[in-house]
Amino acid sequence: MTKNAPAFGVPPTLRQLLSGVAPYGGSAHRDLYCYLAYTWSSLIVQDRKTLCEDVGGSWAMVYLLIALWKSCARLMDRKEDAKRHDYEVFQQRLAAVWLELGRLLDKRPVEDFEVDWHAGVSSPLDELNGRMTHLLAMLGDPVAIDAMPDLLWLYARRAQPGDGFVELHAAAIGAELDDGSYRLHWTRGYDGLVDVLAQWRERGMEAIATAAALTRGQIRDAVVEAMQARPEPVAMLAKIRKEAAVAADAERAAPEPSCSGLVVLASVGHLPGNAKDGEAKASSPNPRAEFAPIAGKRLPLVPVPDLARVQRVLAGEFPDAAGIVASILAPVAGRPYVRLPRLLLRGGPGTGKSRLARRLGEELGLAVTVYGCGSVADGSVIGTSRMWGTGRASVPLQAIRRAGSASVLVVLDEISRAGTRADNGKLTDGILALAEPETARVYHDPYLECATDLSAVSYIATANDTSGLDPALLSRFRVIDMPAPTVASLPVLARSLVAELRRERGLDDRWLPDLTPEELDLVGEHWRGGSVRTLQALVECAVDGRLVGPAN
């Protein structure tokens, strides 16, 4: 749509908007202007009497519609002269009219107008109320966004196949799965709108696809079971195929080492120098002396701790991600030692991805190595040859040597910001080998020039966006969307951030107590959810303000 789109056209229905259709004219004021003109033509000629009859004789409703019409018309008339302030004023008026319209509709038993549902179709006033909810949400209004899940379910329950059925249900399901949390990927502009339903729709589509896959599996199993009752040779063929698949799975699945330990490096005897395996007595640094302390030794593996305690601690520090923490810890239960599934935490800047990854490792007892990928323009993560003066072992092997343990955690921070040139190899290509279980079990380190067992290493990557990442890399990681912190979690987050300040400054709670209710209210005036990084700066300001005292 362009700015010259005609004002009096046929606007999309609310159902179409909720299904992903763009607003008429590409902006909130053009869409509302068109809908008002299309629904109540008496507004165009300013026939208040007819308009009053159209809305059931309610003059309060007439005045609201006229106020909304004038606000849209005022912005339409400004055209190229409209400034940012004009759009902000329009949004404020739109929110005020929306709240009053909702109040009147909620009181309809005692009002003069009647709004009835006929054959499952809403009245124009209900349609207008829902339309304003959607448009305000696209303008970033948090109250409107919070009201969107109920609106989605209202229309999803009455949707018919081919009538936005899948899109409506996907968005409604996604909103429930994300507990109504959202991220605003939006560059502020005069006509800037953000589709808050897109992320919910994507999450819901994934759930629907998973359910469909499970259903297909059940149908397939039922077909195989039915085939077994058939005469030969059909039943025999199904049996042979099933046995072959089971045998292939058993061959691919290698047994995990016991918790007693794991030999990561068998020997350094092939390397030049005099140090023996397990000793480091060389006069100058060399790979044999560097890795002799772990060569031939069965390094300990971190046993699985009390996962219920870990869940409680992390859920207290990351209240908006409690469900994510539970899903991450679930595969760890029952293992002989701690090894996390390969994860990629995806979320906007400041949502706490890196901190959650680090705290997961700390609470599980793993030594954590945070490897910043944003400044890496080569493939040195996999190790470099000794023929170069800067030769070194792979990042996970270095982490194992430092920790003296075979099970460690490597956090690949901001992996989407790694360099893309391949002159000296790419970081993401190197990670393909490290993250593949079969390859990691016998990984040939170019620095030590021998096989190493890195199968007990856990990897968690973080990224703001995964659209530019190699699909081969994404296939090796389980992508989890990190929800943006909400203002409801402010007390818990603030308490956790103050605790970190205590650790950094070497103080206890007597010298650095938690924020008072007054300080929390002050921080809440400037933080309405979103970036934890911003909240951390505000908490530090509140704490440091105690030392300054009141202004003179």
Protein backbone atom coordinates (compact mmCIF):
# COMPACT_ATOMS: atom_id res chain seq x y z
CA MET A 1 0.00 0.00 0.00
CA THR A 2 1.07 3.59 -0.57
CA LYS A 3 0.27 6.91 1.04
CA ASN A 4 -1.98 7.72 -1.92
CA ALA A 5 -4.27 4.74 -1.34
CA PRO A 6 -7.93 5.77 -1.64
CA ALA A 7 -9.64 6.53 1.66
CA PHE A 8 -13.01 5.08 0.70
CA GLY A 9 -12.37 1.49 -0.29
CA VAL A 10 -13.23 -1.93 1.11
CA PRO A 11 -11.18 -2.63 4.24
CA PRO A 12 -10.17 -6.16 5.27
CA THR A 13 -12.32 -7.75 7.92
CA LEU A 14 -11.01 -8.20 11.46
CA ARG A 15 -10.82 -11.94 10.84
CA GLN A 16 -8.56 -11.27 7.85
CA LEU A 17 -6.37 -8.93 9.90
CA LEU A 18 -5.96 -11.57 12.61
CA SER A 19 -5.07 -14.10 9.90
CA GLY A 20 -2.13 -11.99 8.70
CA VAL A 21 -3.63 -9.59 6.11
CA ALA A 22 -2.06 -6.11 6.17
CA PRO A 23 -4.20 -3.16 7.35
CA TYR A 24 -5.81 -1.05 4.65
CA GLY A 25 -3.40 1.60 3.39
CA GLY A 26 -0.53 0.20 5.42
CA SER A 27 -1.23 2.28 8.52
CA ALA A 28 -3.59 2.38 11.49
CA HIS A 29 -5.24 5.71 10.68
CA ARG A 30 -5.91 4.85 7.00
CA ASP A 31 -7.37 1.47 7.96
CA LEU A 32 -9.70 2.98 10.59
CA TYR A 33 -10.69 5.87 8.30
CA CYS A 34 -11.65 3.41 5.58
CA TYR A 35 -13.54 1.12 7.99
CA LEU A 36 -15.52 3.99 9.53
CA ALA A 37 -16.47 5.37 6.11
CA TYR A 38 -17.37 1.90 4.81
CA THR A 39 -19.48 0.98 7.87
CA TRP A 40 -21.14 4.29 8.81
CA SER A 41 -21.52 6.47 5.71
CA SER A 42 -23.40 9.03 7.81
CA LEU A 43 -20.02 10.05 9.24
CA ILE A 44 -18.97 11.32 5.82
CA VAL A 45 -21.90 13.75 5.53
CA GLN A 46 -21.94 14.44 9.28
CA ASP A 47 -25.51 13.20 9.68
CA ARG A 48 -25.52 12.71 13.45
CA LYS A 49 -29.18 11.74 13.67
CA THR A 50 -28.79 8.82 11.26
CA LEU A 51 -25.56 7.81 12.94
CA CYS A 52 -27.31 7.75 16.31
CA GLU A 53 -29.99 5.45 14.90
CA ASP A 54 -27.30 3.17 13.42
CA VAL A 55 -25.70 2.64 16.83
CA GLY A 56 -28.92 1.92 18.71
CA GLY A 57 -29.70 5.47 19.87
CA SER A 58 -26.57 5.94 21.99
CA TRP A 59 -25.29 9.53 21.77
CA ALA A 60 -22.23 8.54 23.79
CA MET A 61 -21.31 6.15 21.00
CA VAL A 62 -21.95 8.86 18.38
CA TYR A 63 -19.50 11.23 20.04
CA LEU A 64 -16.86 8.48 20.27
CA LEU A 65 -17.19 7.61 16.57
CA ILE A 66 -17.00 11.28 15.57
CA ALA A 67 -13.89 11.80 17.72
CA LEU A 68 -12.24 8.77 16.15
CA TRP A 69 -13.22 9.88 12.65
CA LYS A 70 -11.78 13.36 13.18
CA SER A 71 -8.51 11.98 14.59
CA CYS A 72 -8.05 9.79 11.51
CA ALA A 73 -9.07 12.60 9.15
CA ARG A 74 -6.67 15.05 10.80
CA LEU A 75 -3.74 12.73 10.17
CA MET A 76 -4.95 11.99 6.63
CA ASP A 77 -5.08 15.72 5.86
CA ARG A 78 -1.53 16.32 7.08
CA LYS A 79 -0.10 13.95 4.43
CA GLU A 80 3.59 14.75 3.89
CA ASP A 81 3.58 17.43 6.62
CA ALA A 82 2.84 14.92 9.39
CA LYS A 83 5.53 14.70 12.03
CA ARG A 84 6.37 12.10 14.62
CA HIS A 85 4.50 14.12 17.25
CA ASP A 86 1.31 13.96 15.16
CA TYR A 87 1.45 10.15 15.10
CA GLU A 88 2.10 9.96 18.82
CA VAL A 89 -0.89 12.21 19.51
CA PHE A 90 -3.03 10.04 17.22
CA GLN A 91 -1.99 6.88 19.07
CA GLN A 92 -2.84 8.47 22.43
CA ARG A 93 -6.30 9.49 21.19
CA LEU A 94 -6.85 6.08 19.65
CA ALA A 95 -6.02 4.41 22.98
CA ALA A 96 -8.40 6.74 24.86
CA VAL A 97 -11.28 6.04 22.46
CA TRP A 98 -10.56 2.29 22.59
CA LEU A 99 -10.74 2.19 26.38
CA GLU A 100 -13.99 4.17 26.45
CA LEU A 101 -15.52 2.04 23.68
CA GLY A 102 -14.66 -1.11 25.60
CA ARG A 103 -16.22 0.34 28.75
CA LEU A 104 -19.47 1.11 26.91
CA LEU A 105 -19.62 -2.31 25.29
CA ASP A 106 -19.05 -4.00 28.66
CA LYS A 107 -22.06 -2.10 30.05
CA ARG A 108 -24.40 -2.88 27.20
CA PRO A 109 -27.25 -4.27 29.41
CA VAL A 110 -27.72 -0.74 30.88
CA GLU A 111 -26.98 1.24 27.71
CA ASP A 112 -29.45 2.47 25.10
CA PHE A 113 -27.90 0.53 22.25
CA GLU A 114 -27.89 -3.23 21.65
CA VAL A 115 -25.08 -5.28 20.16
CA ASP A 116 -26.13 -8.75 19.12
CA TRP A 117 -24.29 -11.61 17.57
CA HIS A 118 -26.10 -12.97 14.51
CA ALA A 119 -25.11 -16.39 13.22
CA GLY A 120 -21.64 -16.09 14.75
CA VAL A 121 -20.89 -12.69 13.16
CA SER A 122 -19.99 -9.75 15.39
CA SER A 123 -21.71 -6.39 15.17
CA PRO A 124 -19.89 -3.40 13.59
CA LEU A 125 -19.18 -1.97 17.05
CA ASP A 126 -17.66 -5.23 18.28
CA GLU A 127 -15.69 -5.42 15.03
CA LEU A 128 -14.47 -1.85 15.58
CA ASN A 129 -13.42 -2.63 19.16
CA GLY A 130 -11.46 -5.69 18.06
CA ARG A 131 -9.98 -3.81 15.11
CA MET A 132 -8.72 -1.04 17.40
CA THR A 133 -7.23 -3.67 19.74
CA HIS A 134 -5.30 -5.18 16.83
CA LEU A 135 -4.10 -1.86 15.41
CA LEU A 136 -3.00 -0.56 18.82
CA ALA A 137 -1.09 -3.80 19.33
CA MET A 138 0.63 -3.21 15.98
CA LEU A 139 1.55 0.25 17.25
CA GLY A 140 3.22 -1.35 20.27
CA ASP A 141 0.62 -0.61 22.96
CA PRO A 142 1.33 -3.18 25.74
CA VAL A 143 -2.25 -3.13 27.11
CA ALA A 144 -3.64 -3.93 23.67
CA ILE A 145 -1.08 -6.68 23.14
CA ASP A 146 -2.11 -8.28 26.44
CA ALA A 147 -5.72 -8.31 25.18
CA MET A 148 -4.82 -10.01 21.88
CA PRO A 149 -4.87 -13.69 23.06
CA ASP A 150 -8.54 -13.45 24.13
CA LEU A 151 -9.43 -11.78 20.83
CA LEU A 152 -7.60 -14.49 18.88
CA TRP A 153 -9.43 -17.32 20.65
CA LEU A 154 -12.78 -15.55 20.17
CA TYR A 155 -12.36 -15.68 16.39
CA ALA A 156 -10.43 -18.96 16.27
CA ARG A 157 -13.27 -20.85 17.98
CA ARG A 158 -15.69 -19.74 15.25
CA ALA A 159 -13.30 -20.12 12.30
CA GLN A 160 -14.18 -22.54 9.52
CA PRO A 161 -11.70 -24.39 7.26
CA GLY A 162 -10.49 -22.03 4.55
CA ASP A 163 -11.48 -18.99 6.62
CA GLY A 164 -8.09 -18.28 8.22
CA PHE A 165 -8.61 -21.41 10.29
CA VAL A 166 -4.96 -22.50 10.51
CA GLU A 167 -3.52 -19.00 10.93
CA LEU A 168 -5.96 -18.03 13.69
CA HIS A 169 -5.45 -21.24 15.65
CA ALA A 170 -1.67 -21.10 15.20
CA ALA A 171 -1.51 -17.53 16.57
CA ALA A 172 -3.85 -18.37 19.47
CA ILE A 173 -1.90 -21.52 20.38
CA GLY A 174 1.42 -19.68 20.09
CA ALA A 175 0.19 -16.93 22.40
CA GLU A 176 -0.76 -19.53 25.00
CA LEU A 177 2.56 -21.37 24.68
CA ASP A 178 4.50 -18.10 25.10
CA ASP A 179 2.26 -16.99 27.98
CA GLY A 180 1.45 -13.81 26.07
CA SER A 181 5.10 -12.66 25.93
CA TYR A 182 6.26 -10.91 22.78
CA ARG A 183 9.17 -9.15 21.11
CA LEU A 184 8.81 -5.94 19.12
CA HIS A 185 11.07 -6.18 16.03
CA TRP A 186 10.18 -2.73 14.79
CA THR A 187 12.06 0.28 13.39
CA ARG A 188 10.20 3.33 14.58
CA GLY A 189 8.72 5.35 11.72
CA TYR A 190 5.79 7.59 10.89
CA ASP A 191 3.65 4.72 9.63
CA GLY A 192 5.63 2.06 11.47
CA LEU A 193 3.62 -1.02 12.44
CA VAL A 194 4.83 -4.27 13.94
CA ASP A 195 3.10 -7.63 13.46
CA VAL A 196 3.00 -8.91 17.04
CA LEU A 197 1.07 -11.98 15.86
CA ALA A 198 3.90 -13.21 13.61
CA GLN A 199 5.97 -14.76 16.40
CA TRP A 200 2.89 -16.35 18.03
CA ARG A 201 1.78 -17.69 14.66
CA GLU A 202 5.25 -19.17 14.02
CA ARG A 203 5.34 -20.80 17.46
CA GLY A 204 1.84 -22.19 17.00
CA MET A 205 2.70 -23.53 13.54
CA GLU A 206 5.61 -25.45 15.08
CA ALA A 207 3.28 -26.98 17.68
CA ILE A 208 0.71 -27.89 15.03
CA ALA A 209 3.42 -29.42 12.83
CA THR A 210 4.73 -31.46 15.77
CA ALA A 211 1.23 -32.70 16.58
CA ALA A 212 0.69 -33.59 12.92
CA ALA A 213 3.98 -35.51 12.84
CA LEU A 214 3.01 -37.46 15.96
CA THR A 215 -0.38 -38.23 14.43
CA ARG A 216 1.28 -39.44 11.22
CA GLY A 217 3.52 -41.67 13.34
CA GLN A 218 0.52 -43.18 15.09
CA ILE A 219 -1.18 -43.79 11.75
CA ARG A 220 2.00 -45.34 10.35
CA ASP A 221 2.32 -47.65 13.37
CA ALA A 222 -1.32 -48.66 13.00
CA VAL A 223 -0.74 -49.46 9.30
CA VAL A 224 2.34 -51.54 10.10
CA GLU A 225 0.43 -53.42 12.79
CA ALA A 226 -2.41 -54.09 10.34
CA MET A 227 0.07 -55.31 7.73
CA GLN A 228 1.49 -57.86 10.16
CA ALA A 229 -1.83 -59.68 10.11
CA ARG A 230 -1.71 -60.03 6.32
CA PRO A 231 -0.53 -63.18 4.58
CA GLU A 232 3.05 -63.59 3.38
CA PRO A 233 4.99 -62.08 1.74
CA VAL A 234 3.60 -58.62 2.72
CA ALA A 235 3.77 -59.28 6.47
CA MET A 236 7.31 -60.70 6.14
CA LEU A 237 8.48 -57.64 4.20
CA ALA A 238 7.13 -55.28 6.89
CA LYS A 239 8.87 -57.35 9.59
CA ILE A 240 12.20 -57.30 7.74
CA ARG A 241 12.04 -53.53 7.27
CA LYS A 242 11.18 -52.96 10.93
CA GLU A 243 14.03 -55.20 12.14
CA ALA A 244 16.48 -53.47 9.79
CA ALA A 245 15.45 -50.04 11.12
CA VAL A 246 15.92 -51.18 14.75
CA ALA A 247 19.35 -52.63 13.93
CA ALA A 248 20.42 -49.39 12.19
CA ASP A 249 19.33 -47.30 15.18
CA ALA A 250 21.24 -49.57 17.56
CA GLU A 251 24.35 -49.31 15.40
CA ARG A 252 24.18 -45.51 15.28
CA ALA A 253 23.63 -45.10 19.03
CA ALA A 254 26.98 -45.46 20.81
CA PRO A 255 26.90 -46.20 24.55
CA GLU A 256 27.58 -43.32 26.89
CA PRO A 257 30.59 -43.55 29.20
CA SER A 258 29.96 -44.31 32.84
CA CYS A 259 30.20 -41.58 35.44
CA SER A 260 33.56 -42.99 36.59
CA GLY A 261 35.40 -40.99 33.96
CA LEU A 262 36.42 -40.60 30.33
CA VAL A 263 39.81 -40.75 28.61
CA VAL A 264 39.85 -37.62 26.46
CA LEU A 265 43.46 -37.87 25.24
CA ALA A 266 45.04 -41.32 25.05
CA SER A 267 48.69 -40.29 24.84
CA VAL A 268 51.15 -37.51 23.98
CA GLY A 269 53.96 -39.96 23.22
CA HIS A 270 53.84 -39.15 19.51
CA LEU A 271 54.62 -35.48 20.14
CA PRO A 272 58.19 -34.12 20.26
CA GLY A 273 59.72 -33.49 23.70
CA ASN A 274 60.70 -35.39 26.84
CA ALA A 275 57.62 -35.13 29.07
CA LYS A 276 55.85 -38.40 29.76
CA ASP A 277 52.11 -38.92 29.79
CA GLY A 278 50.73 -37.26 32.92
CA GLU A 279 53.85 -35.14 33.50
CA ALA A 280 54.76 -31.62 32.45
CA LYS A 281 58.50 -31.02 32.99
CA ALA A 282 59.57 -29.50 29.68
CA SER A 283 61.67 -26.36 29.95
CA SER A 284 59.70 -24.42 27.31
CA PRO A 285 56.01 -24.47 26.40
CA ASN A 286 55.10 -27.16 23.87
CA PRO A 287 51.99 -29.26 23.17
CA ARG A 288 53.46 -32.36 24.82
CA ALA A 289 54.17 -30.57 28.08
CA GLU A 290 50.90 -28.62 27.88
CA PHE A 291 48.66 -31.67 27.64
CA ALA A 292 50.75 -34.29 29.44
CA PRO A 293 48.76 -33.76 32.71
CA ILE A 294 45.57 -35.17 31.14
CA ALA A 295 47.09 -37.68 28.71
CA GLY A 296 46.09 -41.29 29.34
CA LYS A 297 44.03 -40.33 32.39
CA ARG A 298 40.39 -41.05 33.00
CA LEU A 299 39.08 -37.54 33.64
CA PRO A 300 36.09 -37.17 35.97
CA LEU A 301 32.59 -36.52 34.64
CA VAL A 302 30.25 -34.19 36.52
CA PRO A 303 27.41 -36.23 38.09
CA VAL A 304 23.84 -35.05 37.68
CA PRO A 305 22.93 -32.82 40.65
CA ASP A 306 19.51 -32.33 42.25
CA LEU A 307 17.63 -31.08 39.19
CA ALA A 308 14.64 -29.96 41.26
CA ARG A 309 16.94 -27.59 43.16
CA VAL A 310 18.49 -26.34 39.91
CA GLN A 311 15.00 -25.72 38.50
CA ARG A 312 13.96 -23.76 41.59
CA VAL A 313 17.10 -21.60 41.57
CA LEU A 314 17.00 -20.77 37.86
CA ALA A 315 13.22 -20.27 37.79
CA GLY A 316 13.70 -17.75 40.59
CA GLU A 317 16.36 -15.88 38.60
CA PHE A 318 14.59 -16.15 35.23
CA PRO A 319 10.84 -16.16 36.05
CA ASP A 320 9.78 -15.52 32.45
CA ALA A 321 11.87 -18.48 31.23
CA ALA A 322 10.86 -21.04 33.88
CA GLY A 323 9.23 -23.28 31.27
CA ILE A 324 12.33 -23.12 29.08
CA VAL A 325 14.57 -24.11 32.00
CA ALA A 326 12.35 -27.12 32.75
CA SER A 327 12.46 -28.30 29.11
CA ILE A 328 16.27 -27.96 29.04
CA LEU A 329 16.77 -29.91 32.26
CA ALA A 330 14.34 -32.71 31.35
CA PRO A 331 16.78 -34.61 29.02
CA VAL A 332 19.50 -34.46 31.70
CA ALA A 333 17.47 -36.57 34.16
CA GLY A 334 18.55 -40.19 34.21
CA ARG A 335 21.95 -39.61 32.55
CA PRO A 336 25.08 -41.00 34.23
CA TYR A 337 26.67 -37.53 34.02
CA VAL A 338 25.73 -33.98 33.05
CA ARG A 339 25.52 -33.39 29.32
CA LEU A 340 23.08 -30.85 27.96
CA PRO A 341 21.42 -31.17 24.56
CA ARG A 342 22.88 -28.82 21.95
CA LEU A 343 20.89 -25.61 22.37
CA LEU A 344 20.59 -22.29 20.57
CA LEU A 345 18.91 -19.57 22.61
CA ARG A 346 17.35 -17.03 20.25
CA GLY A 347 16.06 -13.67 21.44
CA GLY A 348 16.38 -9.91 21.26
CA PRO A 349 19.30 -7.98 22.76
CA GLY A 350 19.24 -7.85 26.54
CA THR A 351 16.78 -10.74 27.08
CA GLY A 352 19.30 -12.63 29.24
CA LYS A 353 20.32 -15.39 26.78
CA SER A 354 24.03 -15.40 27.66
CA ARG A 355 23.36 -15.14 31.38
CA LEU A 356 20.90 -18.05 31.32
CA ALA A 357 23.42 -20.18 29.40
CA ARG A 358 26.18 -19.38 31.92
CA ARG A 359 23.96 -19.92 34.96
CA LEU A 360 22.76 -23.29 33.61
CA GLY A 361 26.34 -24.52 33.52
CA GLU A 362 27.19 -23.10 36.94
CA GLU A 363 24.18 -24.64 38.69
CA LEU A 364 24.79 -28.01 37.02
CA GLY A 365 28.39 -27.99 38.23
CA LEU A 366 30.01 -27.60 34.79
CA ALA A 367 33.05 -25.44 34.14
CA VAL A 368 31.82 -22.74 31.73
CA THR A 369 33.81 -21.24 28.86
CA VAL A 370 32.10 -18.29 27.16
CA TYR A 371 33.47 -18.00 23.62
CA GLY A 372 32.54 -14.71 21.98
CA CYS A 373 31.82 -15.44 18.33
CA GLY A 374 31.16 -11.84 17.30
CA SER A 375 34.84 -10.99 16.66
CA VAL A 376 35.91 -14.34 15.18
CA ALA A 377 36.66 -14.30 11.44
CA ASP A 378 38.31 -17.73 11.09
CA GLY A 379 37.89 -21.38 12.06
CA SER A 380 40.33 -21.37 14.98
CA VAL A 381 37.62 -22.70 17.33
CA ILE A 382 38.51 -26.22 16.10
CA GLY A 383 42.22 -25.71 16.81
CA THR A 384 45.14 -24.65 14.60
CA SER A 385 48.14 -26.58 13.34
CA ARG A 386 51.53 -26.47 15.09
CA MET A 387 53.11 -25.36 11.83
CA TRP A 388 51.85 -21.85 12.68
CA GLY A 389 53.40 -19.75 15.40
CA THR A 390 49.96 -19.26 16.97
CA GLY A 391 49.04 -22.95 16.98
CA ARG A 392 46.66 -24.05 19.73
CA ALA A 393 44.25 -26.83 20.61
CA SER A 394 40.50 -26.64 20.02
CA VAL A 395 38.43 -24.47 22.37
CA PRO A 396 36.61 -27.42 24.07
CA LEU A 397 39.91 -29.30 24.58
CA GLN A 398 41.45 -26.22 26.18
CA ALA A 399 38.39 -25.95 28.46
CA ILE A 400 38.79 -29.61 29.47
CA ARG A 401 42.48 -29.11 30.29
CA ARG A 402 41.74 -26.06 32.43
CA ALA A 403 38.87 -27.73 34.29
CA GLY A 404 40.50 -31.15 34.67
CA SER A 405 37.09 -32.61 33.80
CA ALA A 406 35.82 -34.30 30.64
CA SER A 407 32.38 -32.68 30.90
CA VAL A 408 32.42 -28.90 30.45
CA LEU A 409 30.11 -26.30 28.90
CA VAL A 410 31.12 -24.09 25.97
CA VAL A 411 28.83 -21.08 25.40
CA LEU A 412 29.05 -19.89 21.79
CA ASP A 413 27.93 -16.33 22.41
CA GLU A 414 26.39 -14.30 19.55
CA ILE A 415 27.06 -17.02 16.97
CA SER A 416 25.07 -15.13 14.34
CA ARG A 417 27.69 -12.33 14.41
CA ALA A 418 30.62 -14.55 13.44
CA GLY A 419 32.53 -13.67 10.27
CA THR A 420 31.29 -15.10 6.99
CA ARG A 421 34.48 -15.01 4.91
CA ALA A 422 36.07 -18.41 4.31
CA ASP A 423 39.69 -17.32 3.61
CA ASN A 424 40.91 -18.89 6.87
CA GLY A 425 37.89 -21.07 7.50
CA LYS A 426 34.60 -20.11 9.13
CA LEU A 427 33.71 -20.52 12.78
CA THR A 428 30.28 -21.95 11.97
CA ASP A 429 31.80 -24.61 9.69
CA GLY A 430 34.17 -25.67 12.46
CA ILE A 431 31.34 -26.01 14.95
CA LEU A 432 29.64 -28.54 12.63
CA ALA A 433 32.32 -31.11 13.49
CA LEU A 434 32.42 -30.30 17.20
CA ALA A 435 28.63 -30.44 17.62
CA GLU A 436 28.19 -33.77 15.81
CA PRO A 437 28.31 -36.57 18.45
CA GLU A 438 29.97 -39.17 16.20
CA THR A 439 32.68 -36.75 15.04
CA ALA A 440 33.26 -35.33 18.54
CA ARG A 441 33.91 -38.83 19.92
CA VAL A 442 37.04 -39.22 17.73
CA TYR A 443 37.79 -35.58 16.91
CA HIS A 444 41.24 -35.18 15.31
CA ASP A 445 42.80 -32.11 16.92
CA PRO A 446 45.14 -30.33 14.43
CA TYR A 447 47.36 -29.04 17.24
CA LEU A 448 47.95 -32.40 18.92
CA GLU A 449 47.66 -34.36 15.63
CA CYS A 450 45.70 -37.19 17.22
CA ALA A 451 42.15 -38.24 18.06
CA THR A 452 40.48 -36.76 21.14
CA ASP A 453 37.18 -37.69 22.78
CA LEU A 454 35.05 -34.53 23.17
CA SER A 455 31.73 -36.36 23.39
CA ALA A 456 31.01 -35.18 26.95
CA VAL A 457 31.25 -31.47 26.07
CA SER A 458 27.97 -29.50 26.12
CA TYR A 459 27.30 -26.56 23.80
CA ILE A 460 24.86 -23.66 24.13
CA ALA A 461 24.82 -21.01 21.39
CA THR A 462 23.09 -17.62 21.56
CA ALA A 463 21.86 -15.42 18.72
CA ASN A 464 19.59 -12.44 18.20
CA ASP A 465 18.44 -13.86 14.87
CA THR A 466 18.99 -17.15 13.03
CA SER A 467 17.90 -16.12 9.54
CA GLY A 468 21.50 -15.89 8.28
CA LEU A 469 22.82 -19.11 9.85
CA ASP A 470 23.68 -22.21 7.85
CA PRO A 471 20.77 -24.72 7.88
CA ALA A 472 23.33 -27.49 8.49
CA LEU A 473 24.35 -25.74 11.71
CA LEU A 474 20.75 -25.15 12.81
CA SER A 475 19.97 -28.84 12.27
CA ARG A 476 22.50 -29.71 14.98
CA PHE A 477 20.97 -27.38 17.58
CA ARG A 478 17.60 -27.21 19.28
CA VAL A 479 16.45 -23.60 18.77
CA ILE A 480 14.64 -22.10 21.78
CA ASP A 481 13.10 -18.63 21.72
CA MET A 482 14.04 -16.63 24.78
CA PRO A 483 11.02 -14.62 26.02
CA ALA A 484 11.46 -10.94 26.77
CA PRO A 485 11.29 -10.23 30.52
CA THR A 486 8.03 -8.63 31.64
CA VAL A 487 7.38 -5.93 34.20
CA ALA A 488 5.64 -8.51 36.40
CA SER A 489 9.04 -10.11 36.98
CA LEU A 490 10.68 -6.84 38.05
CA PRO A 491 10.97 -7.68 41.82
CA VAL A 492 12.53 -11.10 41.13
CA LEU A 493 14.91 -9.80 38.46
CA ALA A 494 15.94 -6.83 40.58
CA ARG A 495 16.71 -9.12 43.54
CA SER A 496 18.86 -11.33 41.31
CA LEU A 497 20.73 -8.34 39.84
CA VAL A 498 21.44 -6.93 43.30
CA ALA A 499 22.82 -10.33 44.33
CA GLU A 500 25.20 -10.21 41.36
CA LEU A 501 26.29 -6.73 42.40
CA ARG A 502 27.11 -8.11 45.85
CA ARG A 503 29.31 -10.80 44.34
CA GLU A 504 31.06 -8.31 42.05
CA ARG A 505 31.73 -5.80 44.84
CA GLY A 506 32.52 -8.35 47.55
CA LEU A 507 29.72 -7.18 49.86
CA ASP A 508 27.05 -8.99 51.84
CA ASP A 509 23.36 -8.14 52.21
CA ARG A 510 24.02 -5.97 55.26
CA TRP A 511 26.03 -3.52 53.19
CA LEU A 512 24.08 -3.99 49.98
CA PRO A 513 20.43 -4.93 50.76
CA ASP A 514 17.74 -5.58 48.14
CA LEU A 515 15.87 -2.66 46.61
CA THR A 516 13.20 -1.11 48.79
CA PRO A 517 9.59 -0.87 47.53
CA GLU A 518 10.17 2.82 46.83
CA GLU A 519 13.29 2.04 44.78
CA LEU A 520 11.43 -0.68 42.90
CA ASP A 521 8.67 1.80 42.04
CA LEU A 522 11.28 4.27 40.80
CA VAL A 523 12.93 1.64 38.60
CA GLY A 524 9.50 0.51 37.36
CA GLU A 525 8.72 4.01 36.13
CA HIS A 526 11.58 3.72 33.63
CA TRP A 527 11.47 0.00 32.78
CA ARG A 528 8.32 -1.62 31.41
CA GLY A 529 9.82 -4.95 30.40
CA GLY A 530 12.24 -5.93 27.67
CA SER A 531 16.01 -5.68 28.02
CA VAL A 532 17.56 -6.99 31.24
CA ARG A 533 20.65 -4.98 30.31
CA THR A 534 18.63 -1.78 30.65
CA LEU A 535 17.16 -3.00 33.93
CA GLN A 536 20.66 -3.79 35.23
CA ALA A 537 21.77 -0.20 34.53
CA LEU A 538 18.70 1.15 36.34
CA VAL A 539 19.28 -1.12 39.35
CA GLU A 540 22.89 0.01 39.56
CA CYS A 541 21.76 3.64 39.44
CA ALA A 542 19.28 2.99 42.26
CA VAL A 543 21.96 1.29 44.38
CA ASP A 544 24.60 3.95 43.70
CA GLY A 545 22.02 6.63 44.47
CA ARG A 546 21.99 5.46 48.09
CA LEU A 547 25.55 6.72 48.48
CA VAL A 548 24.78 10.09 46.91
CA GLY A 549 21.81 10.88 49.14
CA PRO A 550 19.12 13.49 48.51
CA ALA A 551 20.02 16.46 46.31
CA ASN A 552 20.94 19.65 48.14
